Amino acid sequence: MHYASFTAALGGDPAQAQHHFMRAYALSQGRLLLVPLLEAQYYAVQVQDRALFTERLQHILEAPETLFPEQALLNAVARHRAVLLLRRIDELFL
């Protein structure tokens, strides 16, 4: 998340961030909704990719409640945060 949180001038690296997010998707088999949430919140905002931001958050909201029962709390938190982030879309993307 470090690479996605900062601009290149402050040590960020969008390509490296994307690599780590893809690895996280693979490791969680796409079941942990925290991964697309953090990708949207940090990576998509940093690179100003509004379409990716929207797509990732919509994916979270459309995911079944039973997606990953062992991580139901984290997935519920991701759903809640997705709603909050979508409400802020116009201030996050100029």
PDB file of N, CA and C in Angstrom:
ATOM      1  N   MET A   1       0.829  -1.180   0.000  1.00  0.00           N
ATOM      2  CA  MET A   1       0.000   0.000   0.000  1.00  0.00           C
ATOM      3  C   MET A   1       0.878   1.250   0.000  1.00  0.00           C
ATOM      4  N   HIS A   2       2.087   1.132   0.503  1.00  0.00           N
ATOM      5  CA  HIS A   2       2.997   2.275   0.513  1.00  0.00           C
ATOM      6  C   HIS A   2       3.188   2.841  -0.887  1.00  0.00           C
ATOM      7  N   TYR A   3       3.401   1.959  -1.862  1.00  0.00           N
ATOM      8  CA  TYR A   3       3.669   2.411  -3.221  1.00  0.00           C
ATOM      9  C   TYR A   3       2.474   3.154  -3.822  1.00  0.00           C
ATOM     10  N   ALA A   4       1.271   2.831  -3.378  1.00  0.00           N
ATOM     11  CA  ALA A   4       0.074   3.470  -3.915  1.00  0.00           C
ATOM     12  C   ALA A   4      -0.317   4.724  -3.147  1.00  0.00           C
ATOM     13  N   SER A   5       0.188   4.880  -1.955  1.00  0.00           N
ATOM     14  CA  SER A   5      -0.227   5.981  -1.092  1.00  0.00           C
ATOM     15  C   SER A   5       0.465   7.301  -1.387  1.00  0.00           C
ATOM     16  N   PHE A   6       1.629   7.243  -2.014  1.00  0.00           N
ATOM     17  CA  PHE A   6       2.438   8.444  -2.202  1.00  0.00           C
ATOM     18  C   PHE A   6       2.710   8.705  -3.675  1.00  0.00           C
ATOM     19  N   THR A   7       2.941   9.949  -3.993  1.00  0.00           N
ATOM     20  CA  THR A   7       3.368  10.295  -5.343  1.00  0.00           C
ATOM     21  C   THR A   7       4.786   9.771  -5.554  1.00  0.00           C
ATOM     22  N   ALA A   8       5.215   9.735  -6.803  1.00  0.00           N
ATOM     23  CA  ALA A   8       6.569   9.256  -7.105  1.00  0.00           C
ATOM     24  C   ALA A   8       7.619  10.099  -6.393  1.00  0.00           C
ATOM     25  N   ALA A   9       7.361  11.395  -6.256  1.00  0.00           N
ATOM     26  CA  ALA A   9       8.316  12.281  -5.582  1.00  0.00           C
ATOM     27  C   ALA A   9       8.510  11.924  -4.115  1.00  0.00           C
ATOM     28  N   LEU A  10       7.521  11.260  -3.527  1.00  0.00           N
ATOM     29  CA  LEU A  10       7.611  10.885  -2.119  1.00  0.00           C
ATOM     30  C   LEU A  10       7.844   9.390  -1.919  1.00  0.00           C
ATOM     31  N   GLY A  11       8.225   8.703  -2.990  1.00  0.00           N
ATOM     32  CA  GLY A  11       8.552   7.289  -2.865  1.00  0.00           C
ATOM     33  C   GLY A  11       7.489   6.342  -3.370  1.00  0.00           C
ATOM     34  N   GLY A  12       6.418   6.874  -3.926  1.00  0.00           N
ATOM     35  CA  GLY A  12       5.380   6.014  -4.475  1.00  0.00           C
ATOM     36  C   GLY A  12       5.794   5.436  -5.818  1.00  0.00           C
ATOM     37  N   ASP A  13       5.179   4.348  -6.201  1.00  0.00           N
ATOM     38  CA  ASP A  13       5.480   3.693  -7.467  1.00  0.00           C
ATOM     39  C   ASP A  13       4.217   2.971  -7.930  1.00  0.00           C
ATOM     40  N   PRO A  14       3.412   3.606  -8.782  1.00  0.00           N
ATOM     41  CA  PRO A  14       2.148   3.002  -9.209  1.00  0.00           C
ATOM     42  C   PRO A  14       2.304   1.618  -9.844  1.00  0.00           C
ATOM     43  N   ALA A  15       3.351   1.408 -10.627  1.00  0.00           N
ATOM     44  CA  ALA A  15       3.545   0.099 -11.257  1.00  0.00           C
ATOM     45  C   ALA A  15       3.801  -0.972 -10.194  1.00  0.00           C
ATOM     46  N   GLN A  16       4.612  -0.643  -9.217  1.00  0.00           N
ATOM     47  CA  GLN A  16       4.899  -1.579  -8.130  1.00  0.00           C
ATOM     48  C   GLN A  16       3.632  -1.820  -7.296  1.00  0.00           C
ATOM     49  N   ALA A  17       2.868  -0.773  -7.074  1.00  0.00           N
ATOM     50  CA  ALA A  17       1.613  -0.907  -6.323  1.00  0.00           C
ATOM     51  C   ALA A  17       0.665  -1.858  -7.042  1.00  0.00           C
ATOM     52  N   GLN A  18       0.529  -1.683  -8.350  1.00  0.00           N
ATOM     53  CA  GLN A  18      -0.366  -2.541  -9.125  1.00  0.00           C
ATOM     54  C   GLN A  18       0.102  -3.993  -9.058  1.00  0.00           C
ATOM     55  N   HIS A  19       1.390  -4.207  -9.107  1.00  0.00           N
ATOM     56  CA  HIS A  19       1.943  -5.566  -8.980  1.00  0.00           C
ATOM     57  C   HIS A  19       1.526  -6.193  -7.645  1.00  0.00           C
ATOM     58  N   HIS A  20       1.635  -5.442  -6.573  1.00  0.00           N
ATOM     59  CA  HIS A  20       1.284  -5.968  -5.249  1.00  0.00           C
ATOM     60  C   HIS A  20      -0.219  -6.212  -5.128  1.00  0.00           C
ATOM     61  N   PHE A  21      -1.033  -5.338  -5.719  1.00  0.00           N
ATOM     62  CA  PHE A  21      -2.480  -5.571  -5.674  1.00  0.00           C
ATOM     63  C   PHE A  21      -2.853  -6.839  -6.444  1.00  0.00           C
ATOM     64  N   MET A  22      -2.238  -7.052  -7.597  1.00  0.00           N
ATOM     65  CA  MET A  22      -2.522  -8.268  -8.372  1.00  0.00           C
ATOM     66  C   MET A  22      -2.103  -9.520  -7.590  1.00  0.00           C
ATOM     67  N   ARG A  23      -1.012  -9.418  -6.887  1.00  0.00           N
ATOM     68  CA  ARG A  23      -0.561 -10.539  -6.048  1.00  0.00           C
ATOM     69  C   ARG A  23      -1.556 -10.782  -4.910  1.00  0.00           C
ATOM     70  N   ALA A  24      -2.057  -9.709  -4.318  1.00  0.00           N
ATOM     71  CA  ALA A  24      -3.036  -9.844  -3.236  1.00  0.00           C
ATOM     72  C   ALA A  24      -4.334 -10.468  -3.749  1.00  0.00           C
ATOM     73  N   TYR A  25      -4.760 -10.081  -4.960  1.00  0.00           N
ATOM     74  CA  TYR A  25      -5.945 -10.712  -5.561  1.00  0.00           C
ATOM     75  C   TYR A  25      -5.717 -12.214  -5.712  1.00  0.00           C
ATOM     76  N   ALA A  26      -4.547 -12.577  -6.209  1.00  0.00           N
ATOM     77  CA  ALA A  26      -4.244 -13.987  -6.424  1.00  0.00           C
ATOM     78  C   ALA A  26      -4.218 -14.759  -5.104  1.00  0.00           C
ATOM     79  N   LEU A  27      -3.565 -14.202  -4.107  1.00  0.00           N
ATOM     80  CA  LEU A  27      -3.460 -14.888  -2.818  1.00  0.00           C
ATOM     81  C   LEU A  27      -4.818 -15.050  -2.138  1.00  0.00           C
ATOM     82  N   SER A  28      -5.678 -14.062  -2.274  1.00  0.00           N
ATOM     83  CA  SER A  28      -6.998 -14.136  -1.633  1.00  0.00           C
ATOM     84  C   SER A  28      -8.036 -14.779  -2.546  1.00  0.00           C
ATOM     85  N   GLN A  29      -7.615 -15.154  -3.743  1.00  0.00           N
ATOM     86  CA  GLN A  29      -8.507 -15.750  -4.742  1.00  0.00           C
ATOM     87  C   GLN A  29      -9.702 -14.844  -5.030  1.00  0.00           C
ATOM     88  N   GLY A  30      -9.497 -13.533  -4.886  1.00  0.00           N
ATOM     89  CA  GLY A  30     -10.545 -12.566  -5.164  1.00  0.00           C
ATOM     90  C   GLY A  30     -11.671 -12.533  -4.146  1.00  0.00           C
ATOM     91  N   ARG A  31     -11.486 -13.207  -3.028  1.00  0.00           N
ATOM     92  CA  ARG A  31     -12.569 -13.292  -2.042  1.00  0.00           C
ATOM     93  C   ARG A  31     -12.494 -12.229  -0.955  1.00  0.00           C
ATOM     94  N   LEU A  32     -11.343 -11.635  -0.749  1.00  0.00           N
ATOM     95  CA  LEU A  32     -11.180 -10.630   0.297  1.00  0.00           C
ATOM     96  C   LEU A  32     -11.449  -9.250  -0.301  1.00  0.00           C
ATOM     97  N   LEU A  33     -12.578  -8.658   0.037  1.00  0.00           N
ATOM     98  CA  LEU A  33     -12.998  -7.399  -0.566  1.00  0.00           C
ATOM     99  C   LEU A  33     -12.166  -6.206  -0.122  1.00  0.00           C
ATOM    100  N   LEU A  34     -11.332  -6.417   0.864  1.00  0.00           N
ATOM    101  CA  LEU A  34     -10.427  -5.358   1.306  1.00  0.00           C
ATOM    102  C   LEU A  34      -9.410  -5.018   0.206  1.00  0.00           C
ATOM    103  N   VAL A  35      -9.062  -5.999  -0.613  1.00  0.00           N
ATOM    104  CA  VAL A  35      -8.077  -5.768  -1.676  1.00  0.00           C
ATOM    105  C   VAL A  35      -8.598  -4.766  -2.706  1.00  0.00           C
ATOM    106  N   PRO A  36      -9.777  -4.979  -3.318  1.00  0.00           N
ATOM    107  CA  PRO A  36     -10.252  -3.967  -4.264  1.00  0.00           C
ATOM    108  C   PRO A  36     -10.572  -2.630  -3.592  1.00  0.00           C
ATOM    109  N   LEU A  37     -10.961  -2.664  -2.320  1.00  0.00           N
ATOM    110  CA  LEU A  37     -11.213  -1.421  -1.608  1.00  0.00           C
ATOM    111  C   LEU A  37      -9.941  -0.590  -1.517  1.00  0.00           C
ATOM    112  N   LEU A  38      -8.857  -1.206  -1.076  1.00  0.00           N
ATOM    113  CA  LEU A  38      -7.595  -0.477  -0.937  1.00  0.00           C
ATOM    114  C   LEU A  38      -7.041  -0.064  -2.292  1.00  0.00           C
ATOM    115  N   GLU A  39      -7.246  -0.900  -3.300  1.00  0.00           N
ATOM    116  CA  GLU A  39      -6.803  -0.530  -4.652  1.00  0.00           C
ATOM    117  C   GLU A  39      -7.544   0.717  -5.125  1.00  0.00           C
ATOM    118  N   ALA A  40      -8.831   0.758  -4.898  1.00  0.00           N
ATOM    119  CA  ALA A  40      -9.616   1.932  -5.297  1.00  0.00           C
ATOM    120  C   ALA A  40      -9.219   3.153  -4.479  1.00  0.00           C
ATOM    121  N   GLN A  41      -9.165   2.977  -3.168  1.00  0.00           N
ATOM    122  CA  GLN A  41      -8.909   4.102  -2.267  1.00  0.00           C
ATOM    123  C   GLN A  41      -7.525   4.710  -2.466  1.00  0.00           C
ATOM    124  N   TYR A  42      -6.542   3.901  -2.691  1.00  0.00           N
ATOM    125  CA  TYR A  42      -5.179   4.410  -2.787  1.00  0.00           C
ATOM    126  C   TYR A  42      -4.655   4.465  -4.226  1.00  0.00           C
ATOM    127  N   TYR A  43      -4.653   3.340  -4.914  1.00  0.00           N
ATOM    128  CA  TYR A  43      -4.066   3.305  -6.257  1.00  0.00           C
ATOM    129  C   TYR A  43      -4.888   4.132  -7.257  1.00  0.00           C
ATOM    130  N   ALA A  44      -6.184   3.842  -7.365  1.00  0.00           N
ATOM    131  CA  ALA A  44      -7.004   4.529  -8.370  1.00  0.00           C
ATOM    132  C   ALA A  44      -7.046   6.035  -8.123  1.00  0.00           C
ATOM    133  N   VAL A  45      -7.102   6.439  -6.877  1.00  0.00           N
ATOM    134  CA  VAL A  45      -7.099   7.873  -6.567  1.00  0.00           C
ATOM    135  C   VAL A  45      -5.745   8.479  -6.911  1.00  0.00           C
ATOM    136  N   GLN A  46      -4.672   7.794  -6.569  1.00  0.00           N
ATOM    137  CA  GLN A  46      -3.324   8.325  -6.824  1.00  0.00           C
ATOM    138  C   GLN A  46      -3.084   8.532  -8.316  1.00  0.00           C
ATOM    139  N   VAL A  47      -3.520   7.573  -9.148  1.00  0.00           N
ATOM    140  CA  VAL A  47      -3.297   7.698 -10.591  1.00  0.00           C
ATOM    141  C   VAL A  47      -4.474   8.387 -11.287  1.00  0.00           C
ATOM    142  N   GLN A  48      -5.467   8.795 -10.494  1.00  0.00           N
ATOM    143  CA  GLN A  48      -6.656   9.490 -10.982  1.00  0.00           C
ATOM    144  C   GLN A  48      -7.387   8.682 -12.059  1.00  0.00           C
ATOM    145  N   ASP A  49      -7.620   7.406 -11.771  1.00  0.00           N
ATOM    146  CA  ASP A  49      -8.353   6.506 -12.660  1.00  0.00           C
ATOM    147  C   ASP A  49      -9.761   6.328 -12.098  1.00  0.00           C
ATOM    148  N   ARG A  50     -10.639   7.220 -12.479  1.00  0.00           N
ATOM    149  CA  ARG A  50     -12.012   7.227 -11.966  1.00  0.00           C
ATOM    150  C   ARG A  50     -12.763   5.953 -12.354  1.00  0.00           C
ATOM    151  N   ALA A  51     -12.539   5.466 -13.573  1.00  0.00           N
ATOM    152  CA  ALA A  51     -13.229   4.251 -14.029  1.00  0.00           C
ATOM    153  C   ALA A  51     -12.827   3.044 -13.176  1.00  0.00           C
ATOM    154  N   LEU A  52     -11.541   2.896 -12.895  1.00  0.00           N
ATOM    155  CA  LEU A  52     -11.077   1.797 -12.047  1.00  0.00           C
ATOM    156  C   LEU A  52     -11.658   1.929 -10.646  1.00  0.00           C
ATOM    157  N   PHE A  53     -11.641   3.126 -10.115  1.00  0.00           N
ATOM    158  CA  PHE A  53     -12.199   3.415  -8.786  1.00  0.00           C
ATOM    159  C   PHE A  53     -13.652   2.939  -8.714  1.00  0.00           C
ATOM    160  N   THR A  54     -14.437   3.363  -9.688  1.00  0.00           N
ATOM    161  CA  THR A  54     -15.864   3.016  -9.712  1.00  0.00           C
ATOM    162  C   THR A  54     -16.064   1.513  -9.894  1.00  0.00           C
ATOM    163  N   GLU A  55     -15.295   0.924 -10.796  1.00  0.00           N
ATOM    164  CA  GLU A  55     -15.437  -0.504 -11.077  1.00  0.00           C
ATOM    165  C   GLU A  55     -15.116  -1.341  -9.844  1.00  0.00           C
ATOM    166  N   ARG A  56     -14.027  -1.018  -9.156  1.00  0.00           N
ATOM    167  CA  ARG A  56     -13.652  -1.789  -7.973  1.00  0.00           C
ATOM    168  C   ARG A  56     -14.695  -1.661  -6.856  1.00  0.00           C
ATOM    169  N   LEU A  57     -15.191  -0.454  -6.642  1.00  0.00           N
ATOM    170  CA  LEU A  57     -16.172  -0.256  -5.570  1.00  0.00           C
ATOM    171  C   LEU A  57     -17.509  -0.898  -5.921  1.00  0.00           C
ATOM    172  N   GLN A  58     -17.917  -0.842  -7.181  1.00  0.00           N
ATOM    173  CA  GLN A  58     -19.153  -1.520  -7.595  1.00  0.00           C
ATOM    174  C   GLN A  58     -19.013  -3.034  -7.438  1.00  0.00           C
ATOM    175  N   HIS A  59     -17.828  -3.544  -7.752  1.00  0.00           N
ATOM    176  CA  HIS A  59     -17.567  -4.980  -7.571  1.00  0.00           C
ATOM    177  C   HIS A  59     -17.785  -5.373  -6.110  1.00  0.00           C
ATOM    178  N   ILE A  60     -17.306  -4.555  -5.203  1.00  0.00           N
ATOM    179  CA  ILE A  60     -17.472  -4.826  -3.768  1.00  0.00           C
ATOM    180  C   ILE A  60     -18.950  -4.848  -3.409  1.00  0.00           C
ATOM    181  N   LEU A  61     -19.689  -3.865  -3.869  1.00  0.00           N
ATOM    182  CA  LEU A  61     -21.103  -3.763  -3.517  1.00  0.00           C
ATOM    183  C   LEU A  61     -21.945  -4.873  -4.133  1.00  0.00           C
ATOM    184  N   GLU A  62     -21.495  -5.417  -5.257  1.00  0.00           N
ATOM    185  CA  GLU A  62     -22.243  -6.484  -5.928  1.00  0.00           C
ATOM    186  C   GLU A  62     -21.830  -7.882  -5.470  1.00  0.00           C
ATOM    187  N   ALA A  63     -20.781  -7.980  -4.698  1.00  0.00           N
ATOM    188  CA  ALA A  63     -20.302  -9.290  -4.236  1.00  0.00           C
ATOM    189  C   ALA A  63     -21.313  -9.911  -3.280  1.00  0.00           C
ATOM    190  N   PRO A  64     -21.490 -11.222  -3.365  1.00  0.00           N
ATOM    191  CA  PRO A  64     -22.439 -11.880  -2.454  1.00  0.00           C
ATOM    192  C   PRO A  64     -21.981 -11.799  -0.995  1.00  0.00           C
ATOM    193  N   GLU A  65     -22.933 -11.721  -0.123  1.00  0.00           N
ATOM    194  CA  GLU A  65     -22.645 -11.631   1.317  1.00  0.00           C
ATOM    195  C   GLU A  65     -21.872 -12.858   1.812  1.00  0.00           C
ATOM    196  N   THR A  66     -22.048 -13.971   1.144  1.00  0.00           N
ATOM    197  CA  THR A  66     -21.435 -15.235   1.563  1.00  0.00           C
ATOM    198  C   THR A  66     -20.104 -15.504   0.863  1.00  0.00           C
ATOM    199  N   LEU A  67     -19.520 -14.492   0.251  1.00  0.00           N
ATOM    200  CA  LEU A  67     -18.314 -14.654  -0.554  1.00  0.00           C
ATOM    201  C   LEU A  67     -17.169 -15.330   0.208  1.00  0.00           C
ATOM    202  N   PHE A  68     -16.897 -14.896   1.419  1.00  0.00           N
ATOM    203  CA  PHE A  68     -15.751 -15.408   2.190  1.00  0.00           C
ATOM    204  C   PHE A  68     -16.171 -15.412   3.658  1.00  0.00           C
ATOM    205  N   PRO A  69     -16.941 -16.419   4.078  1.00  0.00           N
ATOM    206  CA  PRO A  69     -17.503 -16.428   5.435  1.00  0.00           C
ATOM    207  C   PRO A  69     -16.477 -16.242   6.541  1.00  0.00           C
ATOM    208  N   GLU A  70     -15.261 -16.753   6.320  1.00  0.00           N
ATOM    209  CA  GLU A  70     -14.226 -16.636   7.341  1.00  0.00           C
ATOM    210  C   GLU A  70     -13.789 -15.190   7.550  1.00  0.00           C
ATOM    211  N   GLN A  71     -14.023 -14.349   6.570  1.00  0.00           N
ATOM    212  CA  GLN A  71     -13.645 -12.930   6.653  1.00  0.00           C
ATOM    213  C   GLN A  71     -14.868 -12.037   6.465  1.00  0.00           C
ATOM    214  N   ALA A  72     -15.994 -12.477   6.973  1.00  0.00           N
ATOM    215  CA  ALA A  72     -17.247 -11.751   6.798  1.00  0.00           C
ATOM    216  C   ALA A  72     -17.175 -10.331   7.371  1.00  0.00           C
ATOM    217  N   LEU A  73     -16.516 -10.163   8.497  1.00  0.00           N
ATOM    218  CA  LEU A  73     -16.422  -8.838   9.108  1.00  0.00           C
ATOM    219  C   LEU A  73     -15.617  -7.879   8.215  1.00  0.00           C
ATOM    220  N   LEU A  74     -14.457  -8.335   7.748  1.00  0.00           N
ATOM    221  CA  LEU A  74     -13.647  -7.485   6.863  1.00  0.00           C
ATOM    222  C   LEU A  74     -14.395  -7.146   5.579  1.00  0.00           C
ATOM    223  N   ASN A  75     -15.109  -8.114   5.028  1.00  0.00           N
ATOM    224  CA  ASN A  75     -15.868  -7.843   3.813  1.00  0.00           C
ATOM    225  C   ASN A  75     -17.018  -6.872   4.079  1.00  0.00           C
ATOM    226  N   ALA A  76     -17.625  -6.962   5.246  1.00  0.00           N
ATOM    227  CA  ALA A  76     -18.691  -6.016   5.603  1.00  0.00           C
ATOM    228  C   ALA A  76     -18.122  -4.607   5.759  1.00  0.00           C
ATOM    229  N   VAL A  77     -16.959  -4.499   6.359  1.00  0.00           N
ATOM    230  CA  VAL A  77     -16.299  -3.195   6.493  1.00  0.00           C
ATOM    231  C   VAL A  77     -15.971  -2.644   5.110  1.00  0.00           C
ATOM    232  N   ALA A  78     -15.487  -3.492   4.212  1.00  0.00           N
ATOM    233  CA  ALA A  78     -15.166  -3.060   2.845  1.00  0.00           C
ATOM    234  C   ALA A  78     -16.418  -2.548   2.140  1.00  0.00           C
ATOM    235  N   ARG A  79     -17.547  -3.231   2.324  1.00  0.00           N
ATOM    236  CA  ARG A  79     -18.803  -2.766   1.709  1.00  0.00           C
ATOM    237  C   ARG A  79     -19.186  -1.383   2.239  1.00  0.00           C
ATOM    238  N   HIS A  80     -19.092  -1.213   3.532  1.00  0.00           N
ATOM    239  CA  HIS A  80     -19.438   0.071   4.143  1.00  0.00           C
ATOM    240  C   HIS A  80     -18.530   1.188   3.623  1.00  0.00           C
ATOM    241  N   ARG A  81     -17.222   0.929   3.587  1.00  0.00           N
ATOM    242  CA  ARG A  81     -16.262   1.928   3.098  1.00  0.00           C
ATOM    243  C   ARG A  81     -16.485   2.223   1.620  1.00  0.00           C
ATOM    244  N   ALA A  82     -16.876   1.215   0.840  1.00  0.00           N
ATOM    245  CA  ALA A  82     -17.133   1.425  -0.588  1.00  0.00           C
ATOM    246  C   ALA A  82     -18.256   2.447  -0.792  1.00  0.00           C
ATOM    247  N   VAL A  83     -19.293   2.340   0.009  1.00  0.00           N
ATOM    248  CA  VAL A  83     -20.398   3.301  -0.070  1.00  0.00           C
ATOM    249  C   VAL A  83     -19.892   4.705   0.257  1.00  0.00           C
ATOM    250  N   LEU A  84     -19.117   4.822   1.322  1.00  0.00           N
ATOM    251  CA  LEU A  84     -18.594   6.130   1.719  1.00  0.00           C
ATOM    252  C   LEU A  84     -17.674   6.725   0.659  1.00  0.00           C
ATOM    253  N   LEU A  85     -16.827   5.903   0.074  1.00  0.00           N
ATOM    254  CA  LEU A  85     -15.903   6.404  -0.959  1.00  0.00           C
ATOM    255  C   LEU A  85     -16.660   6.827  -2.219  1.00  0.00           C
ATOM    256  N   LEU A  86     -17.664   6.073  -2.604  1.00  0.00           N
ATOM    257  CA  LEU A  86     -18.440   6.461  -3.787  1.00  0.00           C
ATOM    258  C   LEU A  86     -19.123   7.813  -3.590  1.00  0.00           C
ATOM    259  N   ARG A  87     -19.517   8.101  -2.385  1.00  0.00           N
ATOM    260  CA  ARG A  87     -20.124   9.409  -2.096  1.00  0.00           C
ATOM    261  C   ARG A  87     -19.130  10.551  -2.281  1.00  0.00           C
ATOM    262  N   ARG A  88     -17.837  10.268  -2.149  1.00  0.00           N
ATOM    263  CA  ARG A  88     -16.794  11.297  -2.238  1.00  0.00           C
ATOM    264  C   ARG A  88     -16.125  11.357  -3.610  1.00  0.00           C
ATOM    265  N   ILE A  89     -16.655  10.651  -4.582  1.00  0.00           N
ATOM    266  CA  ILE A  89     -15.982  10.509  -5.865  1.00  0.00           C
ATOM    267  C   ILE A  89     -15.637  11.855  -6.519  1.00  0.00           C
ATOM    268  N   ASP A  90     -16.531  12.811  -6.429  1.00  0.00           N
ATOM    269  CA  ASP A  90     -16.282  14.106  -7.090  1.00  0.00           C
ATOM    270  C   ASP A  90     -15.183  14.920  -6.416  1.00  0.00           C
ATOM    271  N   GLU A  91     -14.970  14.713  -5.144  1.00  0.00           N
ATOM    272  CA  GLU A  91     -13.866  15.442  -4.484  1.00  0.00           C
ATOM    273  C   GLU A  91     -12.537  14.713  -4.625  1.00  0.00           C
ATOM    274  N   LEU A  92     -12.581  13.402  -4.893  1.00  0.00           N
ATOM    275  CA  LEU A  92     -11.349  12.632  -5.055  1.00  0.00           C
ATOM    276  C   LEU A  92     -10.783  12.708  -6.473  1.00  0.00           C
ATOM    277  N   PHE A  93     -11.657  12.974  -7.449  1.00  0.00           N
ATOM    278  CA  PHE A  93     -11.248  13.048  -8.839  1.00  0.00           C
ATOM    279  C   PHE A  93     -11.578  14.423  -9.387  1.00  0.00           C
ATOM    280  N   LEU A  94     -10.550  15.121  -9.760  1.00  0.00           N
ATOM    281  CA  LEU A  94     -10.715  16.496 -10.221  1.00  0.00           C
ATOM    282  C   LEU A  94     -11.003  16.586 -11.687  1.00  0.00           C
TER     283      LEU A  94
END
